[in-house]
Protein backbone atom coordinates (compact mmCIF):
# COMPACT_ATOMS: atom_id res chain seq x y z
CA MET A 1 109.26 99.85 106.20
CA MET A 2 107.43 97.23 104.15
CA ILE A 3 104.44 98.45 102.12
CA LEU A 4 101.88 96.41 100.21
CA ALA A 5 100.07 98.49 97.56
CA VAL A 6 96.83 97.01 96.22
CA ASP A 7 95.04 98.51 93.21
CA ASP A 8 93.48 97.01 90.08
CA GLU A 9 94.72 99.96 88.01
CA PRO A 10 98.36 99.39 86.89
CA LEU A 11 99.01 103.14 86.51
CA ASN A 12 98.06 103.75 90.16
CA LEU A 13 100.41 100.96 91.25
CA MET A 14 103.22 102.46 89.18
CA ILE A 15 102.68 105.86 90.85
CA LEU A 16 102.72 104.31 94.33
CA LYS A 17 105.83 102.28 93.49
CA GLU A 18 107.70 105.37 92.25
CA LEU A 19 106.56 107.32 95.29
CA PHE A 20 107.85 104.84 97.87
CA GLU A 21 110.49 102.56 96.33
CA ASP A 22 113.49 104.77 97.15
CA GLU A 23 112.75 104.79 100.88
CA HIS A 24 110.77 101.60 101.46
CA ASP A 25 110.33 98.00 100.39
CA ILE A 26 107.12 98.01 98.32
CA THR A 27 105.20 95.01 96.98
CA LEU A 28 102.39 95.42 94.44
CA ALA A 29 99.14 93.46 94.12
CA GLU A 30 96.55 93.97 91.37
CA SER A 31 93.59 92.39 93.18
CA GLY A 32 92.20 91.58 96.57
CA GLU A 33 92.96 87.92 95.95
CA GLU A 34 96.59 88.71 95.14
CA ALA A 35 96.80 90.92 98.24
CA MET A 36 95.67 88.04 100.43
CA GLU A 37 98.32 85.78 98.82
CA GLN A 38 101.02 88.40 99.49
CA LEU A 39 99.89 88.72 103.12
CA GLU A 40 100.46 84.96 103.54
CA LYS A 41 104.07 85.36 102.33
CA ALA A 42 105.13 88.44 104.27
CA ILE A 43 103.55 90.83 106.77
CA PRO A 44 103.89 94.46 105.70
CA ASP A 45 103.91 97.45 108.02
CA VAL A 46 101.37 99.30 105.86
CA VAL A 47 98.78 98.27 103.25
CA LEU A 48 97.71 100.93 100.75
CA LEU A 49 94.37 99.57 99.65
CA ASP A 50 92.07 100.57 96.81
CA VAL A 51 88.39 100.08 97.62
CA MET A 52 86.82 99.40 94.21
CA MET A 53 88.28 96.22 92.73
CA PRO A 54 86.69 93.24 91.00
CA GLY A 55 86.50 90.07 93.06
CA ILE A 56 87.52 90.70 96.65
CA ASP A 57 87.18 94.47 97.11
CA GLY A 58 89.21 96.64 99.47
CA ILE A 59 86.55 96.64 102.19
CA GLU A 60 86.60 92.82 102.31
CA VAL A 61 90.42 92.71 102.25
CA CYS A 62 90.49 95.15 105.17
CA LYS A 63 88.00 93.02 107.13
CA ARG A 64 90.11 89.90 106.49
CA ILE A 65 93.26 91.69 107.63
CA ARG A 66 91.53 92.76 110.84
CA ALA A 67 90.18 89.24 111.44
CA ASN A 68 93.69 87.72 111.28
CA PRO A 69 95.60 87.95 114.60
CA LYS A 70 98.94 87.66 112.74
CA LEU A 71 98.13 90.93 110.94
CA GLU A 72 96.91 92.95 113.94
CA LYS A 73 99.81 95.42 113.78
CA VAL A 74 99.42 96.13 110.05
CA LYS A 75 98.26 99.69 109.32
CA VAL A 76 95.64 99.92 106.57
CA VAL A 77 95.29 103.08 104.49
CA MET A 78 92.33 103.07 102.10
CA VAL A 79 93.20 104.97 98.92
CA SER A 80 89.98 105.34 96.97
CA GLY A 81 88.13 107.33 94.36
CA LYS A 82 85.04 106.95 96.55
CA ALA A 83 85.07 110.11 98.63
CA MET A 84 81.55 110.41 100.03
CA GLU A 85 81.29 110.54 103.81
CA SER A 86 79.41 107.22 103.78
CA ASP A 87 82.24 105.59 101.78
CA ILE A 88 84.85 106.86 104.22
CA GLN A 89 82.73 105.63 107.16
CA LEU A 90 82.43 102.19 105.55
CA GLY A 91 86.21 101.97 105.16
CA LEU A 92 86.86 103.00 108.74
CA GLU A 93 84.21 100.61 110.06
CA ALA A 94 85.92 97.79 108.11
CA GLY A 95 89.03 98.54 110.15
CA ALA A 96 91.05 101.00 108.08
CA ASP A 97 93.38 103.23 110.06
CA HIS A 98 93.16 106.03 107.50
CA TYR A 99 91.17 106.87 104.37
CA ILE A 100 92.55 109.10 101.64
CA SER A 101 90.65 110.05 98.48
CA LYS A 102 91.94 109.89 94.90
CA PRO A 103 93.34 111.91 93.36
CA PHE A 104 95.55 112.12 96.43
CA ASP A 105 98.17 114.68 97.32
CA MET A 106 101.48 112.78 97.09
CA MET A 107 103.07 114.63 100.00
CA GLU A 108 100.01 114.00 102.18
CA LEU A 109 100.13 110.27 101.40
CA MET A 110 103.88 110.08 102.04
CA GLU A 111 103.47 111.84 105.41
CA LEU A 112 100.58 109.56 106.31
CA VAL A 113 102.62 106.44 105.53
CA GLU A 114 105.58 107.78 107.50
CA SER A 115 103.30 108.44 110.49
CA CYS A 116 102.21 104.78 110.38
CA SER A 117 105.72 103.63 111.25
CA SER A 118 105.79 105.46 114.57
């Protein structure tokens, strides 16, 4: 499975890379702009997407993914420190398939990603 992890915090990206690199092909992006560039190069199966980023935020990236017919099969998992019900609703309305709050349970995230491949 190909995963694109998008987060402006390098430590979070390192954690996601370590979590998935043994089993999956994972690409990292440190901004919404970089995520959009990566999506032009290769279409991942799953995008792990932070919400709060400077420039193009995760909500906008998710909307752009959903607006692109080439990316219609991509699963989007919002991974965010914003955990209020309204934040979760905003992510799901933008087109996210799942929304998980930071700090996340690593096993829960791994199971969620695995479920996206079926």
